[in-house]
Amino acid sequence: MEYEGIVIRQVRTTGSRRMVTVFTREGGKLGAGTFLSESGKSKAALALRPFVHGRYEIAEKAGGLLSITQAEVVDAHFGIGQDADRFAEASFALEFTDKLLPERFRAGGVFALLARYLAIIEKRERDFRLPTLSFMVKVMQGLGVFPDAGGLAAELRAGGNDDILKHTAFLMENPLERVEGLTLAGDAEALVFAALRRFAREHLDVGDLKSEGLLGGRRE
């Protein structure tokens, strides 16, 4: 069956085999093995790399095992790898999504959100954290695991910190595209990020992520 998907993780196993996690529009998050070569510049090689938005032919074998037999690129998002901070933010977004999504859980709205996020952060020239904050809020909202405005202060443990509540409420109420030309002053981004990570850790069991080590001094 053919799927439209975004590669969120790839792991090399024995021999020339790879395990690729593809978040698909039609079937949710799918873990599939493949013997397609990643060497060279073929369409299949490029399509197996993280961040790539592509089309994948995925066959189900005995025992429910999945295998990618064909792959082609829709958008390679080459620009993400051209800046270390941009790459770090996008890597965090992929891993955060991976941890939140159950296997084969269909979430077409979240898929569309991730595709828009990658397009936005690829062309943004600086301050890559704000789109990531918006994405974090939107993906948790999309999965129905984020508090409403009434419970926001308690769930984020923000207490009387009006800045955290104000900025988070803005992200909740506005589409991802609204932050394209915006920045937050001072340490507001760090405070909101810390509150969102704390919520995900305590309520969603999203502990330390490997990609957080790429975020410089901003790991919380």
N, C-alpha and C. Protein backbone atom coordinates (compact mmCIF):
# COMPACT_ATOMS: atom_id res chain seq x y z
N MET A 1 0.84 -1.19 0.00
CA MET A 1 0.00 0.00 0.00
C MET A 1 0.87 1.25 0.00
N GLU A 2 0.45 2.29 -0.71
CA GLU A 2 1.23 3.53 -0.76
C GLU A 2 0.77 4.49 0.33
N TYR A 3 1.74 5.09 1.02
CA TYR A 3 1.46 6.05 2.08
C TYR A 3 2.21 7.35 1.81
N GLU A 4 1.62 8.46 2.18
CA GLU A 4 2.33 9.73 2.25
C GLU A 4 2.85 9.84 3.68
N GLY A 5 4.12 10.13 3.84
CA GLY A 5 4.66 10.13 5.19
C GLY A 5 5.85 11.04 5.38
N ILE A 6 6.22 11.22 6.64
CA ILE A 6 7.41 11.97 7.04
C ILE A 6 8.28 11.04 7.88
N VAL A 7 9.54 10.91 7.52
CA VAL A 7 10.45 10.05 8.28
C VAL A 7 10.82 10.75 9.57
N ILE A 8 10.54 10.11 10.70
CA ILE A 8 10.89 10.72 11.98
C ILE A 8 12.06 10.01 12.68
N ARG A 9 12.42 8.82 12.19
CA ARG A 9 13.57 8.14 12.80
C ARG A 9 14.07 7.06 11.87
N GLN A 10 15.40 6.84 11.90
CA GLN A 10 15.98 5.73 11.14
C GLN A 10 17.09 5.10 11.97
N VAL A 11 17.10 3.78 12.03
CA VAL A 11 18.12 3.05 12.78
C VAL A 11 18.70 1.96 11.89
N ARG A 12 20.00 1.91 11.81
CA ARG A 12 20.66 0.86 11.03
C ARG A 12 20.72 -0.41 11.87
N THR A 13 20.34 -1.53 11.29
CA THR A 13 20.40 -2.82 12.00
C THR A 13 21.47 -3.68 11.36
N THR A 14 21.23 -4.97 11.25
CA THR A 14 22.25 -5.87 10.71
C THR A 14 22.35 -5.75 9.19
N GLY A 15 23.56 -5.95 8.70
CA GLY A 15 23.77 -5.92 7.27
C GLY A 15 23.39 -4.59 6.66
N SER A 16 22.66 -4.63 5.58
CA SER A 16 22.24 -3.39 4.91
C SER A 16 20.81 -3.02 5.26
N ARG A 17 20.24 -3.68 6.27
CA ARG A 17 18.85 -3.42 6.65
C ARG A 17 18.75 -2.22 7.58
N ARG A 18 17.68 -1.46 7.42
CA ARG A 18 17.40 -0.32 8.28
C ARG A 18 15.97 -0.41 8.78
N MET A 19 15.76 0.11 9.97
CA MET A 19 14.42 0.28 10.49
C MET A 19 14.07 1.76 10.41
N VAL A 20 12.99 2.04 9.74
CA VAL A 20 12.58 3.42 9.50
C VAL A 20 11.21 3.64 10.13
N THR A 21 11.08 4.70 10.92
CA THR A 21 9.79 5.08 11.48
C THR A 21 9.22 6.20 10.63
N VAL A 22 8.08 5.93 10.01
CA VAL A 22 7.44 6.89 9.12
C VAL A 22 6.09 7.27 9.71
N PHE A 23 5.89 8.55 9.90
CA PHE A 23 4.59 9.05 10.34
C PHE A 23 3.76 9.31 9.09
N THR A 24 2.76 8.49 8.85
CA THR A 24 2.00 8.57 7.62
C THR A 24 0.65 9.25 7.83
N ARG A 25 0.19 9.90 6.78
CA ARG A 25 -1.12 10.55 6.84
C ARG A 25 -2.23 9.51 6.97
N GLU A 26 -2.09 8.39 6.24
CA GLU A 26 -3.17 7.42 6.16
C GLU A 26 -3.18 6.38 7.28
N GLY A 27 -2.01 6.00 7.76
CA GLY A 27 -1.95 4.89 8.71
C GLY A 27 -1.31 5.20 10.04
N GLY A 28 -1.00 6.48 10.31
CA GLY A 28 -0.34 6.82 11.56
C GLY A 28 1.14 6.49 11.54
N LYS A 29 1.71 6.29 12.72
CA LYS A 29 3.14 6.01 12.83
C LYS A 29 3.41 4.54 12.55
N LEU A 30 4.27 4.27 11.56
CA LEU A 30 4.57 2.90 11.15
C LEU A 30 6.07 2.66 11.25
N GLY A 31 6.46 1.56 11.88
CA GLY A 31 7.84 1.13 11.92
C GLY A 31 8.04 0.05 10.89
N ALA A 32 8.94 0.27 9.93
CA ALA A 32 9.11 -0.67 8.83
C ALA A 32 10.58 -0.90 8.54
N GLY A 33 10.92 -2.12 8.21
CA GLY A 33 12.27 -2.43 7.79
C GLY A 33 12.42 -2.19 6.30
N THR A 34 13.65 -2.02 5.86
CA THR A 34 13.89 -1.87 4.43
C THR A 34 15.31 -2.28 4.09
N PHE A 35 15.45 -2.83 2.89
CA PHE A 35 16.77 -3.12 2.34
C PHE A 35 17.13 -2.14 1.23
N LEU A 36 16.30 -1.12 1.02
CA LEU A 36 16.62 -0.11 0.03
C LEU A 36 17.92 0.57 0.43
N SER A 37 18.79 0.77 -0.53
CA SER A 37 20.09 1.37 -0.25
C SER A 37 19.94 2.85 0.04
N GLU A 38 20.69 3.34 1.04
CA GLU A 38 20.69 4.77 1.33
C GLU A 38 21.92 5.44 0.74
N SER A 39 22.73 4.68 0.03
CA SER A 39 23.92 5.27 -0.59
C SER A 39 23.52 5.94 -1.90
N GLY A 40 24.34 6.89 -2.32
CA GLY A 40 24.07 7.57 -3.57
C GLY A 40 23.00 8.64 -3.43
N LYS A 41 22.51 9.10 -4.55
CA LYS A 41 21.55 10.20 -4.58
C LYS A 41 20.24 9.78 -5.26
N SER A 42 19.91 8.53 -5.17
CA SER A 42 18.67 8.06 -5.76
C SER A 42 17.48 8.60 -4.98
N LYS A 43 16.30 8.57 -5.60
CA LYS A 43 15.09 9.03 -4.93
C LYS A 43 14.82 8.21 -3.68
N ALA A 44 15.05 6.91 -3.77
CA ALA A 44 14.81 6.04 -2.62
C ALA A 44 15.77 6.35 -1.49
N ALA A 45 17.03 6.63 -1.81
CA ALA A 45 18.04 6.91 -0.79
C ALA A 45 17.66 8.17 -0.01
N LEU A 46 17.30 9.22 -0.70
CA LEU A 46 16.94 10.47 -0.04
C LEU A 46 15.68 10.33 0.79
N ALA A 47 14.76 9.52 0.32
CA ALA A 47 13.45 9.41 0.97
C ALA A 47 13.49 8.70 2.30
N LEU A 48 14.60 8.05 2.63
CA LEU A 48 14.71 7.30 3.88
C LEU A 48 15.27 8.12 5.03
N ARG A 49 15.62 9.37 4.77
CA ARG A 49 16.30 10.19 5.78
C ARG A 49 15.31 10.98 6.63
N PRO A 50 15.64 11.20 7.90
CA PRO A 50 14.76 12.00 8.76
C PRO A 50 14.47 13.37 8.17
N PHE A 51 13.30 13.88 8.46
CA PHE A 51 12.74 15.14 8.00
C PHE A 51 12.10 15.04 6.61
N VAL A 52 12.43 14.00 5.86
CA VAL A 52 11.93 13.93 4.48
C VAL A 52 10.44 13.62 4.44
N HIS A 53 9.75 14.37 3.64
CA HIS A 53 8.33 14.14 3.35
C HIS A 53 8.30 13.39 2.02
N GLY A 54 7.74 12.18 2.03
CA GLY A 54 7.80 11.37 0.83
C GLY A 54 6.58 10.48 0.64
N ARG A 55 6.68 9.63 -0.36
CA ARG A 55 5.66 8.59 -0.61
C ARG A 55 6.35 7.24 -0.49
N TYR A 56 5.70 6.32 0.21
CA TYR A 56 6.32 5.06 0.56
C TYR A 56 5.39 3.90 0.24
N GLU A 57 5.93 2.92 -0.46
CA GLU A 57 5.20 1.67 -0.68
C GLU A 57 5.58 0.74 0.46
N ILE A 58 4.61 0.40 1.30
CA ILE A 58 4.89 -0.41 2.48
C ILE A 58 4.04 -1.68 2.42
N ALA A 59 4.73 -2.82 2.47
CA ALA A 59 4.05 -4.11 2.40
C ALA A 59 4.03 -4.75 3.78
N GLU A 60 2.94 -5.43 4.10
CA GLU A 60 2.83 -6.15 5.36
C GLU A 60 3.12 -7.62 5.13
N LYS A 61 4.07 -8.16 5.87
CA LYS A 61 4.48 -9.54 5.71
C LYS A 61 3.90 -10.40 6.83
N ALA A 62 4.29 -11.65 6.82
CA ALA A 62 3.80 -12.58 7.84
C ALA A 62 4.15 -12.07 9.23
N GLY A 63 3.20 -12.22 10.15
CA GLY A 63 3.42 -11.77 11.51
C GLY A 63 3.21 -10.28 11.70
N GLY A 64 2.71 -9.61 10.68
CA GLY A 64 2.44 -8.19 10.78
C GLY A 64 3.64 -7.30 10.58
N LEU A 65 4.79 -7.85 10.20
CA LEU A 65 5.99 -7.05 9.96
C LEU A 65 5.82 -6.21 8.70
N LEU A 66 6.31 -4.98 8.74
CA LEU A 66 6.17 -4.07 7.62
C LEU A 66 7.51 -3.87 6.93
N SER A 67 7.46 -3.69 5.61
CA SER A 67 8.68 -3.50 4.83
C SER A 67 8.46 -2.40 3.78
N ILE A 68 9.39 -1.45 3.73
CA ILE A 68 9.34 -0.41 2.69
C ILE A 68 9.99 -0.96 1.44
N THR A 69 9.21 -1.05 0.37
CA THR A 69 9.72 -1.62 -0.88
C THR A 69 10.04 -0.56 -1.92
N GLN A 70 9.41 0.59 -1.83
CA GLN A 70 9.69 1.71 -2.73
C GLN A 70 9.54 3.01 -1.96
N ALA A 71 10.27 4.04 -2.40
CA ALA A 71 10.19 5.32 -1.73
C ALA A 71 10.59 6.43 -2.69
N GLU A 72 9.91 7.57 -2.57
CA GLU A 72 10.28 8.74 -3.37
C GLU A 72 10.02 10.01 -2.57
N VAL A 73 10.76 11.06 -2.90
CA VAL A 73 10.72 12.30 -2.14
C VAL A 73 9.61 13.22 -2.64
N VAL A 74 8.88 13.81 -1.69
CA VAL A 74 7.98 14.92 -1.99
C VAL A 74 8.69 16.23 -1.65
N ASP A 75 9.30 16.30 -0.47
CA ASP A 75 10.07 17.47 -0.05
C ASP A 75 11.18 16.99 0.88
N ALA A 76 12.43 17.24 0.51
CA ALA A 76 13.57 16.73 1.29
C ALA A 76 13.92 17.62 2.47
N HIS A 77 13.45 18.85 2.50
CA HIS A 77 13.77 19.79 3.59
C HIS A 77 15.28 19.91 3.82
N PHE A 78 16.02 20.10 2.74
CA PHE A 78 17.47 20.22 2.86
C PHE A 78 17.89 21.38 3.74
N GLY A 79 17.08 22.46 3.74
CA GLY A 79 17.45 23.65 4.48
C GLY A 79 17.55 23.44 5.98
N ILE A 80 16.88 22.40 6.51
CA ILE A 80 16.92 22.16 7.95
C ILE A 80 18.33 21.85 8.42
N GLY A 81 19.09 21.16 7.60
CA GLY A 81 20.44 20.78 7.99
C GLY A 81 21.49 21.85 7.78
N GLN A 82 21.10 23.02 7.28
CA GLN A 82 22.06 24.07 6.96
C GLN A 82 22.36 25.00 8.14
N ASP A 83 21.67 24.81 9.24
CA ASP A 83 21.91 25.61 10.44
C ASP A 83 21.80 24.69 11.65
N ALA A 84 22.78 24.75 12.54
CA ALA A 84 22.82 23.82 13.67
C ALA A 84 21.63 24.01 14.61
N ASP A 85 21.25 25.26 14.87
CA ASP A 85 20.12 25.51 15.77
C ASP A 85 18.81 25.07 15.14
N ARG A 86 18.64 25.34 13.85
CA ARG A 86 17.44 24.91 13.15
C ARG A 86 17.33 23.38 13.18
N PHE A 87 18.45 22.71 12.92
CA PHE A 87 18.48 21.25 12.93
C PHE A 87 18.12 20.71 14.31
N ALA A 88 18.64 21.36 15.36
CA ALA A 88 18.37 20.90 16.73
C ALA A 88 16.89 21.00 17.06
N GLU A 89 16.27 22.14 16.70
CA GLU A 89 14.85 22.32 16.99
C GLU A 89 14.00 21.31 16.23
N ALA A 90 14.29 21.13 14.95
CA ALA A 90 13.51 20.19 14.15
C ALA A 90 13.70 18.75 14.63
N SER A 91 14.91 18.41 15.07
CA SER A 91 15.15 17.07 15.60
C SER A 91 14.35 16.84 16.87
N PHE A 92 14.28 17.87 17.72
CA PHE A 92 13.48 17.76 18.94
C PHE A 92 12.01 17.57 18.58
N ALA A 93 11.51 18.32 17.62
CA ALA A 93 10.10 18.21 17.23
C ALA A 93 9.77 16.80 16.73
N LEU A 94 10.68 16.20 15.94
CA LEU A 94 10.46 14.83 15.47
C LEU A 94 10.42 13.85 16.62
N GLU A 95 11.38 13.95 17.54
CA GLU A 95 11.43 13.00 18.64
C GLU A 95 10.25 13.19 19.60
N PHE A 96 9.86 14.43 19.81
CA PHE A 96 8.70 14.72 20.66
C PHE A 96 7.45 14.09 20.06
N THR A 97 7.29 14.22 18.75
CA THR A 97 6.15 13.62 18.06
C THR A 97 6.20 12.10 18.17
N ASP A 98 7.36 11.54 17.97
CA ASP A 98 7.54 10.09 18.03
C ASP A 98 7.12 9.55 19.40
N LYS A 99 7.50 10.25 20.47
CA LYS A 99 7.17 9.79 21.82
C LYS A 99 5.68 9.90 22.12
N LEU A 100 5.03 10.89 21.55
CA LEU A 100 3.61 11.10 21.85
C LEU A 100 2.69 10.15 21.08
N LEU A 101 3.09 9.76 19.88
CA LEU A 101 2.20 8.98 19.02
C LEU A 101 2.27 7.49 19.28
N PRO A 102 1.15 6.84 19.53
CA PRO A 102 1.14 5.37 19.57
C PRO A 102 1.33 4.81 18.16
N GLU A 103 1.78 3.58 18.07
CA GLU A 103 1.91 2.93 16.77
C GLU A 103 0.54 2.83 16.08
N ARG A 104 0.53 3.14 14.81
CA ARG A 104 -0.63 2.98 13.92
C ARG A 104 -1.85 3.79 14.37
N PHE A 105 -1.61 4.81 15.15
CA PHE A 105 -2.70 5.70 15.56
C PHE A 105 -2.87 6.77 14.49
N ARG A 106 -4.01 6.78 13.84
CA ARG A 106 -4.24 7.73 12.76
C ARG A 106 -4.47 9.13 13.32
N ALA A 107 -3.67 10.07 12.86
CA ALA A 107 -3.76 11.45 13.34
C ALA A 107 -3.43 12.37 12.17
N GLY A 108 -4.36 12.45 11.22
CA GLY A 108 -4.12 13.24 10.02
C GLY A 108 -3.88 14.71 10.31
N GLY A 109 -4.56 15.24 11.34
CA GLY A 109 -4.34 16.64 11.70
C GLY A 109 -2.94 16.89 12.22
N VAL A 110 -2.42 15.96 13.00
CA VAL A 110 -1.06 16.09 13.53
C VAL A 110 -0.05 15.94 12.40
N PHE A 111 -0.32 15.05 11.44
CA PHE A 111 0.56 14.91 10.29
C PHE A 111 0.65 16.23 9.52
N ALA A 112 -0.49 16.85 9.26
CA ALA A 112 -0.51 18.13 8.55
C ALA A 112 0.24 19.19 9.34
N LEU A 113 0.10 19.17 10.66
CA LEU A 113 0.78 20.12 11.52
C LEU A 113 2.29 19.96 11.42
N LEU A 114 2.78 18.72 11.46
CA LEU A 114 4.21 18.47 11.37
C LEU A 114 4.75 18.91 10.02
N ALA A 115 4.00 18.65 8.95
CA ALA A 115 4.44 19.09 7.63
C ALA A 115 4.56 20.61 7.56
N ARG A 116 3.61 21.32 8.16
CA ARG A 116 3.65 22.79 8.15
C ARG A 116 4.81 23.28 9.01
N TYR A 117 5.02 22.64 10.16
CA TYR A 117 6.12 23.04 11.03
C TYR A 117 7.47 22.93 10.31
N LEU A 118 7.70 21.82 9.64
CA LEU A 118 8.98 21.63 8.95
C LEU A 118 9.17 22.68 7.86
N ALA A 119 8.10 23.02 7.16
CA ALA A 119 8.19 24.04 6.12
C ALA A 119 8.49 25.41 6.72
N ILE A 120 7.87 25.72 7.85
CA ILE A 120 8.07 27.02 8.50
C ILE A 120 9.48 27.16 9.05
N ILE A 121 9.95 26.13 9.76
CA ILE A 121 11.26 26.25 10.40
C ILE A 121 12.38 26.18 9.37
N GLU A 122 12.13 25.53 8.24
CA GLU A 122 13.16 25.45 7.20
C GLU A 122 13.48 26.84 6.63
N LYS A 123 12.48 27.67 6.49
CA LYS A 123 12.72 28.98 5.87
C LYS A 123 12.96 30.10 6.90
N ARG A 124 12.75 29.82 8.18
CA ARG A 124 12.97 30.84 9.21
C ARG A 124 14.47 31.05 9.40
N GLU A 125 14.90 32.28 9.52
CA GLU A 125 16.33 32.58 9.55
C GLU A 125 16.92 32.61 10.95
N ARG A 126 16.09 32.83 11.98
CA ARG A 126 16.62 32.88 13.36
C ARG A 126 15.46 32.66 14.33
N ASP A 127 15.81 32.54 15.62
CA ASP A 127 14.83 32.31 16.68
C ASP A 127 13.93 31.13 16.32
N PHE A 128 14.51 29.96 16.27
CA PHE A 128 13.78 28.76 15.86
C PHE A 128 12.94 28.16 16.99
N ARG A 129 13.13 28.65 18.22
CA ARG A 129 12.43 28.08 19.34
C ARG A 129 10.92 28.36 19.31
N LEU A 130 10.52 29.56 18.90
CA LEU A 130 9.10 29.90 18.96
C LEU A 130 8.23 28.98 18.09
N PRO A 131 8.60 28.66 16.84
CA PRO A 131 7.79 27.69 16.10
C PRO A 131 7.72 26.33 16.79
N THR A 132 8.79 25.94 17.47
CA THR A 132 8.79 24.67 18.19
C THR A 132 7.81 24.72 19.36
N LEU A 133 7.78 25.83 20.08
CA LEU A 133 6.81 25.97 21.18
C LEU A 133 5.38 25.88 20.65
N SER A 134 5.11 26.57 19.55
CA SER A 134 3.78 26.52 18.95
C SER A 134 3.44 25.10 18.54
N PHE A 135 4.41 24.41 17.93
CA PHE A 135 4.18 23.03 17.51
C PHE A 135 3.89 22.13 18.70
N MET A 136 4.65 22.27 19.78
CA MET A 136 4.43 21.44 20.96
C MET A 136 3.01 21.59 21.49
N VAL A 137 2.57 22.85 21.61
CA VAL A 137 1.22 23.10 22.10
C VAL A 137 0.19 22.51 21.15
N LYS A 138 0.37 22.74 19.85
CA LYS A 138 -0.62 22.31 18.86
C LYS A 138 -0.70 20.79 18.75
N VAL A 139 0.43 20.11 18.83
CA VAL A 139 0.39 18.65 18.70
C VAL A 139 -0.28 18.03 19.93
N MET A 140 -0.03 18.60 21.11
CA MET A 140 -0.70 18.07 22.31
C MET A 140 -2.19 18.39 22.28
N GLN A 141 -2.54 19.57 21.78
CA GLN A 141 -3.95 19.88 21.60
C GLN A 141 -4.60 18.92 20.61
N GLY A 142 -3.91 18.66 19.51
CA GLY A 142 -4.44 17.79 18.48
C GLY A 142 -4.69 16.37 18.94
N LEU A 143 -3.88 15.93 19.90
CA LEU A 143 -4.03 14.58 20.44
C LEU A 143 -4.95 14.56 21.66
N GLY A 144 -5.46 15.72 22.05
CA GLY A 144 -6.40 15.79 23.17
C GLY A 144 -5.78 15.57 24.53
N VAL A 145 -4.49 15.92 24.69
CA VAL A 145 -3.80 15.65 25.95
C VAL A 145 -3.32 16.93 26.63
N PHE A 146 -3.78 18.09 26.15
CA PHE A 146 -3.33 19.36 26.71
C PHE A 146 -4.48 20.00 27.46
N PRO A 147 -4.20 20.67 28.59
CA PRO A 147 -5.28 21.27 29.39
C PRO A 147 -5.96 22.42 28.66
N ASP A 148 -7.20 22.69 29.03
CA ASP A 148 -7.88 23.86 28.49
C ASP A 148 -7.45 25.09 29.28
N ALA A 149 -7.96 26.24 28.87
CA ALA A 149 -7.53 27.50 29.49
C ALA A 149 -7.80 27.52 30.99
N GLY A 150 -8.90 26.89 31.42
CA GLY A 150 -9.25 26.91 32.82
C GLY A 150 -8.26 26.18 33.71
N GLY A 151 -7.64 25.14 33.19
CA GLY A 151 -6.70 24.36 34.01
C GLY A 151 -5.26 24.61 33.69
N LEU A 152 -5.00 25.62 32.88
CA LEU A 152 -3.65 25.82 32.37
C LEU A 152 -2.64 26.12 33.48
N ALA A 153 -2.97 27.02 34.38
CA ALA A 153 -2.02 27.43 35.42
C ALA A 153 -1.60 26.25 36.28
N ALA A 154 -2.58 25.44 36.71
CA ALA A 154 -2.27 24.32 37.59
C ALA A 154 -1.49 23.24 36.84
N GLU A 155 -1.91 22.92 35.62
CA GLU A 155 -1.28 21.83 34.88
C GLU A 155 0.15 22.16 34.47
N LEU A 156 0.40 23.43 34.17
CA LEU A 156 1.76 23.84 33.79
C LEU A 156 2.59 24.21 35.01
N ARG A 157 1.96 24.18 36.17
CA ARG A 157 2.61 24.60 37.41
C ARG A 157 3.20 26.00 37.26
N ALA A 158 2.42 26.86 36.58
CA ALA A 158 2.88 28.23 36.33
C ALA A 158 2.60 29.15 37.50
N GLY A 159 1.65 28.75 38.35
CA GLY A 159 1.32 29.59 39.50
C GLY A 159 0.89 30.97 39.05
N GLY A 160 1.55 31.98 39.60
CA GLY A 160 1.22 33.35 39.24
C GLY A 160 2.07 33.93 38.14
N ASN A 161 2.77 33.07 37.38
CA ASN A 161 3.62 33.58 36.31
C ASN A 161 2.75 33.94 35.11
N ASP A 162 2.38 35.20 35.03
CA ASP A 162 1.48 35.64 33.97
C ASP A 162 2.09 35.51 32.58
N ASP A 163 3.43 35.66 32.49
CA ASP A 163 4.06 35.57 31.18
C ASP A 163 3.89 34.17 30.58
N ILE A 164 4.13 33.13 31.38
CA ILE A 164 3.97 31.76 30.89
C ILE A 164 2.53 31.54 30.43
N LEU A 165 1.58 31.96 31.24
CA LEU A 165 0.18 31.74 30.91
C LEU A 165 -0.24 32.55 29.69
N LYS A 166 0.20 33.79 29.62
CA LYS A 166 -0.16 34.65 28.49
C LYS A 166 0.38 34.10 27.18
N HIS A 167 1.66 33.73 27.17
CA HIS A 167 2.27 33.25 25.94
C HIS A 167 1.71 31.88 25.54
N THR A 168 1.49 31.02 26.50
CA THR A 168 0.93 29.70 26.18
C THR A 168 -0.49 29.83 25.65
N ALA A 169 -1.28 30.71 26.25
CA ALA A 169 -2.64 30.93 25.77
C ALA A 169 -2.63 31.46 24.34
N PHE A 170 -1.68 32.33 24.03
CA PHE A 170 -1.56 32.83 22.66
C PHE A 170 -1.28 31.69 21.68
N LEU A 171 -0.37 30.80 22.06
CA LEU A 171 -0.04 29.66 21.20
C LEU A 171 -1.23 28.72 21.03
N MET A 172 -2.02 28.57 22.08
CA MET A 172 -3.21 27.71 22.01
C MET A 172 -4.25 28.28 21.06
N GLU A 173 -4.39 29.58 21.04
CA GLU A 173 -5.48 30.22 20.32
C GLU A 173 -5.17 30.54 18.87
N ASN A 174 -3.90 30.50 18.50
CA ASN A 174 -3.51 30.92 17.15
C ASN A 174 -2.86 29.78 16.37
N PRO A 175 -3.05 29.79 15.06
CA PRO A 175 -2.45 28.73 14.23
C PRO A 175 -0.93 28.83 14.21
N LEU A 176 -0.30 27.75 13.85
CA LEU A 176 1.16 27.69 13.80
C LEU A 176 1.73 28.81 12.92
N GLU A 177 1.07 29.11 11.83
CA GLU A 177 1.57 30.13 10.90
C GLU A 177 1.63 31.52 11.53
N ARG A 178 0.88 31.74 12.59
CA ARG A 178 0.83 33.06 13.22
C ARG A 178 2.17 33.47 13.81
N VAL A 179 3.02 32.51 14.15
CA VAL A 179 4.29 32.84 14.80
C VAL A 179 5.43 33.05 13.80
N GLU A 180 5.16 32.92 12.52
CA GLU A 180 6.24 32.95 11.52
C GLU A 180 7.12 34.18 11.65
N GLY A 181 6.53 35.34 11.85
CA GLY A 181 7.33 36.56 11.91
C GLY A 181 7.48 37.12 13.31
N LEU A 182 7.19 36.31 14.32
CA LEU A 182 7.20 36.80 15.70
C LEU A 182 8.38 36.28 16.50
N THR A 183 8.73 36.99 17.57
CA THR A 183 9.70 36.52 18.57
C THR A 183 9.16 36.87 19.95
N LEU A 184 9.70 36.23 20.97
CA LEU A 184 9.35 36.56 22.35
C LEU A 184 10.55 37.20 23.02
N ALA A 185 10.29 38.22 23.81
CA ALA A 185 11.38 38.97 24.43
C ALA A 185 11.92 38.26 25.67
N GLY A 186 13.16 38.61 26.00
CA GLY A 186 13.77 38.13 27.24
C GLY A 186 13.85 36.63 27.33
N ASP A 187 13.56 36.11 28.52
CA ASP A 187 13.66 34.68 28.75
C ASP A 187 12.30 33.99 28.63
N ALA A 188 11.34 34.63 27.95
CA ALA A 188 9.98 34.08 27.85
C ALA A 188 9.97 32.71 27.19
N GLU A 189 10.74 32.55 26.11
CA GLU A 189 10.75 31.27 25.41
C GLU A 189 11.27 30.15 26.31
N ALA A 190 12.32 30.43 27.07
CA ALA A 190 12.88 29.42 27.97
C ALA A 190 11.89 29.03 29.05
N LEU A 191 11.15 30.00 29.57
CA LEU A 191 10.16 29.72 30.61
C LEU A 191 9.01 28.87 30.09
N VAL A 192 8.51 29.21 28.91
CA VAL A 192 7.41 28.43 28.33
C VAL A 192 7.88 27.03 27.97
N PHE A 193 9.08 26.92 27.41
CA PHE A 193 9.62 25.61 27.06
C PHE A 193 9.74 24.74 28.30
N ALA A 194 10.26 25.29 29.38
CA ALA A 194 10.41 24.54 30.63
C ALA A 194 9.05 24.07 31.14
N ALA A 195 8.04 24.94 31.07
CA ALA A 195 6.71 24.57 31.55
C ALA A 195 6.10 23.45 30.69
N LEU A 196 6.26 23.54 29.37
CA LEU A 196 5.70 22.52 28.49
C LEU A 196 6.42 21.18 28.66
N ARG A 197 7.74 21.23 28.81
CA ARG A 197 8.50 19.98 29.01
C ARG A 197 8.14 19.34 30.33
N ARG A 198 7.96 20.17 31.36
CA ARG A 198 7.57 19.63 32.66
C ARG A 198 6.20 18.96 32.58
N PHE A 199 5.27 19.59 31.89
CA PHE A 199 3.95 19.00 31.71
C PHE A 199 4.05 17.66 30.97
N ALA A 200 4.82 17.62 29.88
CA ALA A 200 4.95 16.39 29.10
C ALA A 200 5.62 15.29 29.90
N ARG A 201 6.58 15.67 30.73
CA ARG A 201 7.29 14.68 31.55
C ARG A 201 6.37 14.10 32.64
N GLU A 202 5.61 14.97 33.30
CA GLU A 202 4.81 14.55 34.44
C GLU A 202 3.49 13.89 34.04
N HIS A 203 2.90 14.32 32.95
CA HIS A 203 1.56 13.85 32.58
C HIS A 203 1.54 12.91 31.38
N LEU A 204 2.55 12.99 30.52
CA LEU A 204 2.54 12.20 29.28
C LEU A 204 3.68 11.21 29.22
N ASP A 205 4.48 11.14 30.26
CA ASP A 205 5.60 10.20 30.33
C ASP A 205 6.62 10.43 29.22
N VAL A 206 6.80 11.68 28.83
CA VAL A 206 7.83 12.02 27.84
C VAL A 206 9.04 12.53 28.60
N GLY A 207 9.93 11.61 28.90
CA GLY A 207 11.12 11.95 29.67
C GLY A 207 12.19 12.60 28.82
N ASP A 208 13.44 12.52 29.28
CA ASP A 208 14.54 13.14 28.54
C ASP A 208 14.60 12.59 27.12
N LEU A 209 14.82 13.48 26.16
CA LEU A 209 14.92 13.11 24.76
C LEU A 209 16.36 13.30 24.30
N LYS A 210 16.84 12.39 23.48
CA LYS A 210 18.22 12.48 22.99
C LYS A 210 18.48 13.80 22.28
N SER A 211 17.49 14.26 21.54
CA SER A 211 17.66 15.48 20.75
C SER A 211 17.83 16.71 21.62
N GLU A 212 17.43 16.66 22.90
CA GLU A 212 17.59 17.81 23.77
C GLU A 212 19.06 18.15 24.00
N GLY A 213 19.93 17.17 23.83
CA GLY A 213 21.35 17.43 23.95
C GLY A 213 21.88 18.34 22.86
N LEU A 214 21.11 18.49 21.78
CA LEU A 214 21.52 19.38 20.69
C LEU A 214 21.08 20.82 20.91
N LEU A 215 20.24 21.05 21.94
CA LEU A 215 19.64 22.36 22.11
C LEU A 215 20.51 23.34 22.88
N GLY A 216 21.79 23.11 22.91
CA GLY A 216 22.71 24.04 23.56
C GLY A 216 22.44 24.11 25.04
N GLY A 217 22.45 25.28 25.59
CA GLY A 217 22.27 25.47 27.03
C GLY A 217 20.82 25.57 27.43
N ARG A 218 19.89 25.19 26.53
CA ARG A 218 18.49 25.41 26.83
C ARG A 218 17.77 24.15 27.25
N ARG A 219 18.48 23.10 27.53
CA ARG A 219 17.82 21.88 27.99
C ARG A 219 17.25 22.11 29.37
N GLU A 220 16.00 21.64 29.58
CA GLU A 220 15.32 21.86 30.87
C GLU A 220 15.09 20.53 31.56
